[in-house]
Amino acid sequence: MKTPLSSILLVLLAAFVGSFGAVFLKSGAGRLHRQIRTLLLNWRLAAGIGFFVLSSFFFVLGLREGELSVLYPMVALGYIWTLFWSRLFFGEPLTRNKFLGIGLILVGIVILNLGNR
């Protein structure tokens, strides 16, 4: 069974959308206090959860016709997007080790996709 391009694109979209979920959760977490009211009124946390739900929706659509062993590793591309959003929105440093991690993720995805031919 070959994984169709449409499934791959949906999973890539899921990874991209999910990376925004992580950004909004971090942003919302920084505004939490000990009161339950701050949790319930925190729109950033709600947005983060919403992005993760939307990401899951795209992921499930992508899985319908594709191979799980090919598609699931592509979710790791969300970590790459999250790394760049972390730099952009939170000023987190981009280190040599982080770039090494990106390289390993990309190499792993390429190797797994070689089996999709």
Protein backbone atom coordinates (compact mmCIF):
# COMPACT_ATOMS: atom_id res chain seq x y z
CA MET A 1 0.00 0.00 0.00
CA LYS A 2 1.44 3.34 -1.03
CA THR A 3 0.62 6.44 0.99
CA PRO A 4 -1.08 9.04 -1.23
CA LEU A 5 0.26 12.58 -1.45
CA SER A 6 -3.01 13.93 -0.05
CA SER A 7 -2.46 11.95 3.16
CA ILE A 8 1.10 13.23 3.45
CA LEU A 9 -0.03 16.83 2.95
CA LEU A 10 -2.76 16.49 5.58
CA VAL A 11 -0.28 15.14 8.12
CA LEU A 12 2.17 17.93 7.30
CA LEU A 13 -0.64 20.43 7.83
CA ALA A 14 -1.47 18.74 11.13
CA ALA A 15 2.16 19.11 12.27
CA PHE A 16 2.20 22.79 11.30
CA VAL A 17 -1.10 23.58 13.03
CA GLY A 18 -0.08 21.58 16.11
CA SER A 19 3.08 23.65 16.47
CA PHE A 20 0.90 26.70 17.10
CA GLY A 21 -0.88 24.72 19.81
CA ALA A 22 2.40 24.38 21.68
CA VAL A 23 3.12 28.11 21.34
CA PHE A 24 -0.26 29.13 22.70
CA LEU A 25 -0.06 26.63 25.57
CA LYS A 26 3.32 28.07 26.61
CA SER A 27 2.03 31.61 26.30
CA GLY A 28 -1.05 30.77 28.36
CA ALA A 29 0.93 28.85 30.96
CA GLY A 30 3.03 31.95 31.61
CA ARG A 31 -0.12 33.80 32.63
CA LEU A 32 -1.44 31.20 35.08
CA HIS A 33 -1.73 31.96 38.76
CA ARG A 34 -2.98 29.91 41.68
CA GLN A 35 -6.59 30.90 41.11
CA ILE A 36 -8.82 28.59 39.05
CA ARG A 37 -10.40 31.66 37.46
CA THR A 38 -7.17 32.46 35.61
CA LEU A 39 -7.27 28.99 34.06
CA LEU A 40 -10.87 29.31 32.91
CA LEU A 41 -10.46 32.80 31.45
CA ASN A 42 -7.14 32.17 29.73
CA TRP A 43 -7.84 32.52 26.00
CA ARG A 44 -4.27 31.53 25.12
CA LEU A 45 -4.70 28.12 26.74
CA ALA A 46 -8.04 27.73 24.95
CA ALA A 47 -6.40 28.65 21.63
CA GLY A 48 -3.62 26.11 22.25
CA ILE A 49 -6.14 23.37 22.92
CA GLY A 50 -8.11 24.44 19.84
CA PHE A 51 -5.02 24.23 17.63
CA PHE A 52 -4.26 20.74 18.96
CA VAL A 53 -7.83 19.61 18.29
CA LEU A 54 -7.67 21.03 14.74
CA SER A 55 -4.29 19.36 14.25
CA SER A 56 -5.76 16.02 15.37
CA PHE A 57 -8.60 16.45 12.89
CA PHE A 58 -6.17 16.87 9.97
CA PHE A 59 -4.06 13.98 11.24
CA VAL A 60 -7.04 11.62 11.36
CA LEU A 61 -8.04 12.64 7.83
CA GLY A 62 -4.52 11.91 6.64
CA LEU A 63 -4.46 8.50 8.29
CA ARG A 64 -7.56 7.27 6.49
CA GLU A 65 -5.71 6.21 3.34
CA GLY A 66 -2.08 6.27 4.35
CA GLU A 67 0.35 4.02 6.12
CA LEU A 68 0.74 4.81 9.80
CA SER A 69 4.42 3.81 9.73
CA VAL A 70 5.07 6.45 7.06
CA LEU A 71 2.77 9.21 8.32
CA TYR A 72 3.28 9.17 12.08
CA PRO A 73 6.98 10.08 11.97
CA MET A 74 6.03 13.18 9.95
CA VAL A 75 4.32 14.52 13.05
CA ALA A 76 7.87 15.17 14.31
CA LEU A 77 8.07 18.01 11.79
CA GLY A 78 5.89 19.90 14.25
CA TYR A 79 8.91 19.96 16.59
CA ILE A 80 10.87 21.79 13.91
CA TRP A 81 8.14 24.41 13.49
CA THR A 82 7.88 24.74 17.26
CA LEU A 83 11.62 25.36 17.48
CA PHE A 84 11.35 28.30 15.10
CA TRP A 85 8.21 29.70 16.75
CA SER A 86 9.99 29.46 20.11
CA ARG A 87 12.77 31.61 18.73
CA LEU A 88 10.39 34.09 17.12
CA PHE A 89 7.86 34.50 19.94
CA PHE A 90 9.87 33.73 23.08
CA GLY A 91 13.43 34.58 22.07
CA GLU A 92 14.69 31.08 22.84
CA PRO A 93 18.17 30.41 21.43
CA LEU A 94 18.83 28.25 18.39
CA THR A 95 21.77 26.09 19.40
CA ARG A 96 23.98 23.68 17.53
CA ASN A 97 22.34 20.77 19.33
CA LYS A 98 18.88 21.93 18.27
CA PHE A 99 20.01 22.08 14.64
CA LEU A 100 21.51 18.61 15.04
CA GLY A 101 18.14 17.42 16.33
CA ILE A 102 16.39 18.97 13.31
CA GLY A 103 18.82 17.16 11.03
CA LEU A 104 18.17 13.83 12.73
CA ILE A 105 14.40 14.31 12.45
CA LEU A 106 14.69 15.10 8.74
CA VAL A 107 17.02 12.18 8.05
CA GLY A 108 14.67 9.82 9.88
CA ILE A 109 11.65 11.00 7.91
CA VAL A 110 13.49 10.65 4.61
CA ILE A 111 14.65 7.13 5.47
CA LEU A 112 11.16 6.05 6.49
CA ASN A 113 9.67 7.54 3.33
CA LEU A 114 12.10 5.56 1.18
CA GLY A 115 9.98 2.56 2.14
CA ASN A 116 6.94 4.28 0.63
CA ARG A 117 8.18 3.76 -2.92
